[in-house]
Structures are given as C-alpha cells and as structure tokens.
N, C-alpha and C. Protein backbone atom coordinates (compact mmCIF):
# COMPACT_ATOMS: atom_id res chain seq x y z
N MET A 1 -1.60 7.81 -14.21
CA MET A 1 -2.14 7.34 -13.20
C MET A 1 -3.70 7.10 -13.19
N SER A 2 -3.79 5.62 -12.80
CA SER A 2 -5.14 5.26 -12.94
C SER A 2 -6.10 5.79 -11.61
N ASP A 3 -6.71 4.93 -11.85
CA ASP A 3 -8.05 5.35 -10.67
C ASP A 3 -8.29 4.03 -9.93
N LYS A 4 -7.53 2.76 -10.20
CA LYS A 4 -7.74 1.68 -9.57
C LYS A 4 -7.17 1.84 -8.22
N ALA A 5 -6.07 2.79 -8.09
CA ALA A 5 -5.49 2.71 -6.75
C ALA A 5 -5.82 4.44 -6.52
N LYS A 6 -6.52 3.90 -5.17
CA LYS A 6 -6.95 5.56 -4.18
C LYS A 6 -5.65 6.28 -3.65
N GLN A 7 -5.44 7.33 -4.05
CA GLN A 7 -4.91 8.73 -3.91
C GLN A 7 -4.76 9.14 -2.40
N VAL A 8 -3.95 8.68 -1.09
CA VAL A 8 -3.62 9.33 -0.21
C VAL A 8 -2.87 10.18 0.24
N THR A 9 -3.22 11.26 1.19
CA THR A 9 -2.83 12.07 1.64
C THR A 9 -2.85 12.26 2.91
N ASP A 10 -1.23 13.31 3.54
CA ASP A 10 -1.35 12.74 4.96
C ASP A 10 -2.84 13.54 5.58
N ALA A 11 -3.55 13.75 5.28
CA ALA A 11 -4.58 14.74 5.73
C ALA A 11 -6.09 13.30 5.92
N SER A 12 -5.54 12.43 4.58
CA SER A 12 -7.02 11.59 4.46
C SER A 12 -6.43 10.49 5.24
N PHE A 13 -4.95 10.07 5.49
CA PHE A 13 -4.71 8.73 5.66
C PHE A 13 -5.47 7.49 7.01
N GLN A 14 -5.71 8.87 8.15
CA GLN A 14 -6.26 8.26 8.75
C GLN A 14 -7.34 7.84 8.72
N GLN A 15 -8.37 8.48 7.81
CA GLN A 15 -10.08 8.17 7.01
C GLN A 15 -9.63 6.72 6.25
N ASP A 16 -8.96 7.30 5.18
CA ASP A 16 -8.67 6.03 4.24
C ASP A 16 -7.94 4.64 4.56
N VAL A 17 -7.23 4.59 5.32
CA VAL A 17 -6.18 3.83 5.79
C VAL A 17 -6.65 2.99 7.12
N ILE A 18 -6.39 3.86 8.49
CA ILE A 18 -6.59 3.66 9.84
C ILE A 18 -8.14 2.68 9.91
N GLU A 19 -8.85 4.12 9.27
CA GLU A 19 -10.82 3.53 9.75
C GLU A 19 -11.41 2.86 8.72
N SER A 20 -10.49 2.79 7.73
CA SER A 20 -10.56 1.58 5.93
C SER A 20 -11.80 0.04 7.29
N SER A 21 -13.05 -0.22 6.22
CA SER A 21 -13.49 -1.45 7.07
C SER A 21 -12.83 -2.10 5.94
N LEU A 22 -12.29 -2.29 5.16
CA LEU A 22 -11.89 -3.01 4.62
C LEU A 22 -10.05 -2.97 4.38
N PRO A 23 -9.42 -4.08 4.51
CA PRO A 23 -8.15 -4.09 4.41
C PRO A 23 -7.23 -3.18 3.48
N VAL A 24 -6.62 -2.51 3.51
CA VAL A 24 -5.77 -1.87 2.87
C VAL A 24 -4.14 -1.64 2.67
N VAL A 25 -4.08 -2.01 1.09
CA VAL A 25 -2.00 -2.02 0.89
C VAL A 25 -2.21 -0.40 0.37
N ILE A 26 -0.78 0.18 1.32
CA ILE A 26 -0.85 1.37 0.00
C ILE A 26 0.66 1.65 -0.06
N ASP A 27 1.02 1.61 -1.22
CA ASP A 27 1.93 2.28 -2.10
C ASP A 27 3.14 3.55 -2.07
N PHE A 28 3.94 3.20 -0.76
CA PHE A 28 4.55 4.86 -0.67
C PHE A 28 5.37 4.98 -1.96
N TRP A 29 5.57 6.01 -2.52
CA TRP A 29 6.52 6.49 -3.71
C TRP A 29 7.01 7.66 -3.87
N ALA A 30 7.41 7.69 -5.26
CA ALA A 30 7.95 8.95 -5.32
C ALA A 30 7.73 9.07 -6.54
N PRO A 31 7.74 10.10 -7.77
CA PRO A 31 7.43 10.25 -9.15
C PRO A 31 8.81 10.04 -9.76
N TRP A 32 10.29 10.31 -9.08
CA TRP A 32 11.23 10.64 -9.63
C TRP A 32 12.46 8.24 -9.02
N CYS A 33 11.46 7.86 -8.65
CA CYS A 33 12.31 6.67 -8.19
C CYS A 33 11.90 5.36 -9.22
N GLY A 34 12.36 5.25 -9.66
CA GLY A 34 13.01 3.61 -10.98
C GLY A 34 11.81 2.96 -10.36
N PRO A 35 12.64 2.02 -9.05
CA PRO A 35 11.61 0.77 -8.80
C PRO A 35 10.51 0.95 -8.55
N CYS A 36 9.93 2.23 -7.93
CA CYS A 36 8.39 2.52 -8.22
C CYS A 36 7.59 2.67 -9.11
N LYS A 37 8.12 2.95 -10.25
CA LYS A 37 7.57 3.30 -11.52
C LYS A 37 7.72 1.52 -11.62
N MET A 38 8.57 0.80 -11.68
CA MET A 38 8.28 -0.79 -11.85
C MET A 38 6.92 -1.76 -11.19
N VAL A 39 7.19 -1.57 -9.71
CA VAL A 39 5.99 -1.94 -9.00
C VAL A 39 4.64 -1.44 -9.25
N ALA A 40 4.76 -0.07 -9.58
CA ALA A 40 3.11 0.87 -10.12
C ALA A 40 2.33 0.19 -11.03
N PRO A 41 3.00 -0.80 -12.27
CA PRO A 41 1.85 -1.49 -12.54
C PRO A 41 1.35 -2.76 -12.06
N ILE A 42 2.43 -3.10 -11.19
CA ILE A 42 1.64 -4.83 -10.27
C ILE A 42 0.36 -4.21 -9.20
N VAL A 43 0.88 -2.85 -8.49
CA VAL A 43 -0.23 -2.52 -8.10
C VAL A 43 -1.09 -2.28 -8.16
N GLU A 44 -1.04 -2.08 -9.53
CA GLU A 44 -2.86 -1.36 -10.56
C GLU A 44 -3.65 -3.16 -10.37
N GLN A 45 -2.82 -4.19 -10.87
CA GLN A 45 -3.51 -4.88 -11.58
C GLN A 45 -3.84 -5.38 -9.82
N LEU A 46 -3.34 -5.62 -9.08
CA LEU A 46 -3.60 -6.30 -7.68
C LEU A 46 -4.56 -5.71 -7.43
N ALA A 47 -5.17 -4.15 -7.68
CA ALA A 47 -6.08 -3.69 -7.33
C ALA A 47 -7.21 -4.32 -7.75
N GLU A 48 -6.96 -4.55 -9.21
CA GLU A 48 -8.07 -5.13 -10.16
C GLU A 48 -8.63 -6.63 -9.29
N GLU A 49 -7.60 -7.30 -8.94
CA GLU A 49 -7.88 -8.95 -8.42
C GLU A 49 -8.54 -8.64 -7.69
N TYR A 50 -8.11 -7.72 -6.62
CA TYR A 50 -8.77 -7.61 -4.90
C TYR A 50 -9.86 -6.76 -5.01
N ALA A 51 -10.26 -6.05 -6.30
CA ALA A 51 -11.46 -5.28 -5.91
C ALA A 51 -12.63 -5.89 -4.92
N GLY A 52 -12.86 -4.54 -4.07
CA GLY A 52 -14.43 -5.19 -3.66
C GLY A 52 -13.79 -6.03 -1.66
N LYS A 53 -12.27 -6.64 -1.72
CA LYS A 53 -12.18 -7.13 -0.78
C LYS A 53 -10.88 -6.86 -0.36
N VAL A 54 -9.89 -5.34 -0.93
CA VAL A 54 -9.10 -5.25 -0.44
C VAL A 54 -8.79 -3.53 -0.87
N THR A 55 -8.35 -2.43 -0.24
CA THR A 55 -8.24 -1.40 -0.81
C THR A 55 -6.96 -1.38 -1.33
N PHE A 56 -6.47 -0.78 -2.26
CA PHE A 56 -5.00 -0.03 -3.06
C PHE A 56 -4.85 0.87 -2.83
N ALA A 57 -4.15 1.57 -2.37
CA ALA A 57 -4.15 2.86 -2.25
C ALA A 57 -2.62 2.98 -2.56
N LYS A 58 -2.31 4.88 -3.08
CA LYS A 58 -0.86 5.18 -3.51
C LYS A 58 -0.72 6.21 -2.31
N MET A 59 0.51 6.31 -1.48
CA MET A 59 0.67 7.93 -1.12
C MET A 59 2.32 8.09 -1.87
N ASN A 60 2.05 9.61 -2.57
CA ASN A 60 3.41 10.81 -2.66
C ASN A 60 4.42 10.96 -1.43
N VAL A 61 5.35 10.14 -1.56
CA VAL A 61 6.15 10.64 0.27
C VAL A 61 6.87 11.93 -0.28
N ASP A 62 7.30 12.44 -1.31
CA ASP A 62 7.52 13.94 -1.64
C ASP A 62 6.36 15.45 -1.18
N GLU A 63 5.05 14.51 -1.73
CA GLU A 63 4.31 15.65 -0.95
C GLU A 63 3.84 15.04 0.35
N ASN A 64 3.65 14.23 0.76
CA ASN A 64 3.39 13.57 1.99
C ASN A 64 3.96 13.40 3.38
N MET A 65 4.99 14.18 3.37
CA MET A 65 6.29 13.64 4.33
C MET A 65 5.85 13.15 5.94
N ALA A 66 4.81 14.20 6.28
CA ALA A 66 4.56 13.75 8.07
C ALA A 66 4.46 12.31 8.20
N THR A 67 3.32 11.71 7.24
CA THR A 67 2.87 10.51 7.37
C THR A 67 4.07 9.50 7.47
N ALA A 68 4.99 9.24 5.95
CA ALA A 68 5.71 9.19 5.81
C ALA A 68 7.21 8.99 7.19
N ALA A 69 7.60 10.18 7.62
CA ALA A 69 8.36 10.14 8.94
C ALA A 69 7.74 9.14 9.77
N LYS A 70 6.18 9.69 9.95
CA LYS A 70 5.41 8.82 11.39
C LYS A 70 5.30 7.66 11.10
N LEU A 71 5.85 7.08 10.18
CA LEU A 71 5.58 5.77 9.49
C LEU A 71 7.08 4.86 9.04
N ASP A 72 7.99 5.97 9.70
CA ASP A 72 9.41 5.17 9.37
C ASP A 72 9.73 5.02 8.45
N ILE A 73 9.35 5.46 6.99
CA ILE A 73 9.34 4.99 5.36
C ILE A 73 10.59 5.49 5.50
N ARG A 74 12.03 4.26 5.05
CA ARG A 74 13.02 4.75 4.85
C ARG A 74 13.59 4.59 3.66
N SER A 75 13.02 3.63 2.64
CA SER A 75 13.01 2.99 1.40
C SER A 75 11.56 3.33 0.60
N ILE A 76 11.93 3.49 -0.70
CA ILE A 76 10.34 3.28 -1.48
C ILE A 76 10.86 2.64 -2.48
N PRO A 77 9.92 1.77 -3.44
CA PRO A 77 8.87 1.47 -2.71
C PRO A 77 8.58 0.91 -1.08
N THR A 78 8.07 1.49 -0.81
CA THR A 78 7.34 0.42 0.36
C THR A 78 5.91 0.25 0.17
N LEU A 79 5.63 -1.18 0.48
CA LEU A 79 4.03 -1.59 0.61
C LEU A 79 3.50 -2.17 2.06
N ILE A 80 2.83 -1.50 2.42
CA ILE A 80 2.56 -1.68 3.88
C ILE A 80 1.08 -2.21 3.93
N VAL A 81 0.61 -3.58 4.38
CA VAL A 81 -0.96 -3.77 4.31
C VAL A 81 -1.30 -3.55 5.99
N TYR A 82 -2.79 -2.79 5.86
CA TYR A 82 -3.16 -2.58 6.91
C TYR A 82 -4.50 -3.72 7.11
N ALA A 83 -4.72 -4.17 8.49
CA ALA A 83 -5.89 -4.95 8.12
C ALA A 83 -6.55 -4.17 10.00
N THR A 84 -7.99 -3.51 9.85
CA THR A 84 -8.33 -3.51 10.94
C THR A 84 -7.86 -2.06 11.75
N GLY A 85 -7.01 -1.32 10.92
CA GLY A 85 -6.59 -0.26 11.41
C GLY A 85 -5.00 -0.62 11.92
N LYS A 86 -3.77 -1.68 11.21
CA LYS A 86 -3.42 -2.16 12.10
C LYS A 86 -2.12 -2.60 11.38
N GLU A 87 -1.30 -2.57 11.65
CA GLU A 87 0.12 -2.83 9.88
C GLU A 87 0.31 -4.53 10.29
N VAL A 88 0.15 -4.83 9.58
CA VAL A 88 0.50 -6.55 9.23
C VAL A 88 1.75 -7.04 8.26
N GLU A 89 1.39 -6.09 7.93
CA GLU A 89 2.84 -7.10 6.75
C GLU A 89 3.56 -5.62 6.01
N ARG A 90 4.93 -5.62 5.86
CA ARG A 90 5.69 -4.61 5.12
C ARG A 90 6.58 -4.67 4.22
N ILE A 91 6.77 -4.56 2.95
CA ILE A 91 7.39 -5.11 1.99
C ILE A 91 7.89 -4.12 1.10
N VAL A 92 9.58 -3.87 1.53
CA VAL A 92 10.26 -2.93 1.11
C VAL A 92 11.05 -2.71 -0.23
N GLY A 93 11.24 -2.38 -1.46
CA GLY A 93 11.58 -2.42 -2.40
C GLY A 93 10.73 -3.14 -3.25
N PHE A 94 11.63 -3.19 -4.49
CA PHE A 94 10.33 -3.49 -5.82
C PHE A 94 10.98 -5.48 -5.36
N ALA A 95 8.77 -5.92 -5.52
CA ALA A 95 9.07 -7.21 -5.68
C ALA A 95 8.29 -7.84 -6.62
N PRO A 96 8.81 -8.58 -8.03
CA PRO A 96 7.43 -9.17 -8.28
C PRO A 96 6.25 -9.97 -8.06
N LYS A 97 5.09 -9.86 -9.37
CA LYS A 97 3.80 -10.09 -8.53
C LYS A 97 3.42 -10.96 -7.37
N PRO A 98 4.21 -12.30 -7.83
CA PRO A 98 3.93 -13.32 -7.26
C PRO A 98 4.58 -13.45 -5.66
N VAL A 99 5.47 -12.70 -5.79
CA VAL A 99 6.14 -12.12 -4.16
C VAL A 99 5.00 -11.36 -3.44
N LEU A 100 4.64 -10.47 -4.26
CA LEU A 100 3.56 -9.29 -3.95
C LEU A 100 2.30 -10.23 -3.76
N LYS A 101 1.80 -10.37 -4.12
CA LYS A 101 0.28 -11.46 -4.20
C LYS A 101 0.39 -12.51 -2.94
N GLY A 102 1.73 -13.38 -3.32
CA GLY A 102 2.02 -13.82 -1.56
C GLY A 102 1.50 -13.40 -0.04
N LYS A 103 2.29 -12.28 0.11
CA LYS A 103 3.02 -11.62 1.25
C LYS A 103 1.56 -11.10 1.56
N ILE A 104 0.91 -10.17 0.18
CA ILE A 104 -0.43 -10.10 0.76
C ILE A 104 -1.83 -11.08 1.13
N GLU A 105 -2.01 -12.36 0.26
CA GLU A 105 -2.41 -13.46 1.00
C GLU A 105 -2.09 -13.44 2.60
N GLY A 106 -0.47 -13.80 2.80
CA GLY A 106 -0.26 -13.71 3.90
C GLY A 106 -0.51 -12.83 5.24
N ALA A 107 -0.50 -12.34 4.47
CA ALA A 107 -0.87 -10.67 5.61
C ALA A 107 -2.40 -11.07 5.90
N LEU A 108 -3.09 -10.81 4.83
CA LEU A 108 -4.53 -11.43 5.11
C LEU A 108 -4.93 -12.16 6.28
N ALA A 109 -4.59 -13.25 5.73
CA ALA A 109 -4.90 -14.85 6.63
C ALA A 109 -4.33 -14.26 7.81
N LYS A 110 -3.13 -13.87 8.70
CA LYS A 110 -2.50 -13.59 9.41
C LYS A 110 -3.67 -12.85 10.15
N ALA A 111 -4.23 -11.57 9.70
CA ALA A 111 -4.84 -10.61 9.74
C ALA A 111 -6.53 -11.02 10.74
N ALA A 112 -7.06 -12.16 9.41
CA ALA A 112 -8.62 -12.68 9.45
C ALA A 112 -8.24 -13.78 10.86
N ALA A 113 -6.86 -14.14 10.90
CA ALA A 113 -6.98 -15.51 12.27
C ALA A 113 -6.75 -14.90 13.72
N LYS A 114 -6.76 -13.67 14.03
CA LYS A 114 -6.55 -12.49 14.95
C LYS A 114 -7.96 -12.68 15.90
C-alpha cells in the first residue's frame, strides 16, 4: 500500500473527508476484491496527478463497516467524490483511468460552479 492515498477509518472520516479543505476522492475497497485491486493503481496515479488539488483516500470496508453502511456502499470498489463536505459523484465498479478522470473532473467542475 502506498502513501499517496490517505487511509481513512470510521473514526477519521468526518475530519479527513467531510471537513477537508480540498475536494476528496475516497475509494471504498476490501483486500479480497479483485476489481478493487485493479482500480488501486489508477487511484495512486490520480493521487499523484492531482497532488495539492484533490485528496485521495482509501477506506477498507471490512474494517470500517459503520461508514460503509451509513453511505449505503453496496458494491466495491466504489469511489465517491466529495467537495465542501458533500457527495458530488459516485462511481461504482471498476472503470478505466480516462473514465475515472473524466468523472472526477466533471464532479469538480460541477462543485466549483455551485
């Protein structure tokens, strides 16, 4: 596991995601999930590309069931984009990097326009 994406827990979710001054893309995953393993290197690459503009985070749903249940995470991987503490985009399942990047860009533009 790399240090490019911040590890978030049930205890730190409010501070790390909702109260973040930067937009946050959080990847909900589990160690046994094949598609999660496929999306993980893409999340790492995007974290590098957006360094200083967007915080990328990961939450293991097996270890942090309360937040996953509260946010109605039913399938993994699920990536949620937060801006000013509010969910602005949800991407469920594996998607290639250009698709993820496009959805993140769209969500950030939409959030900035509000």
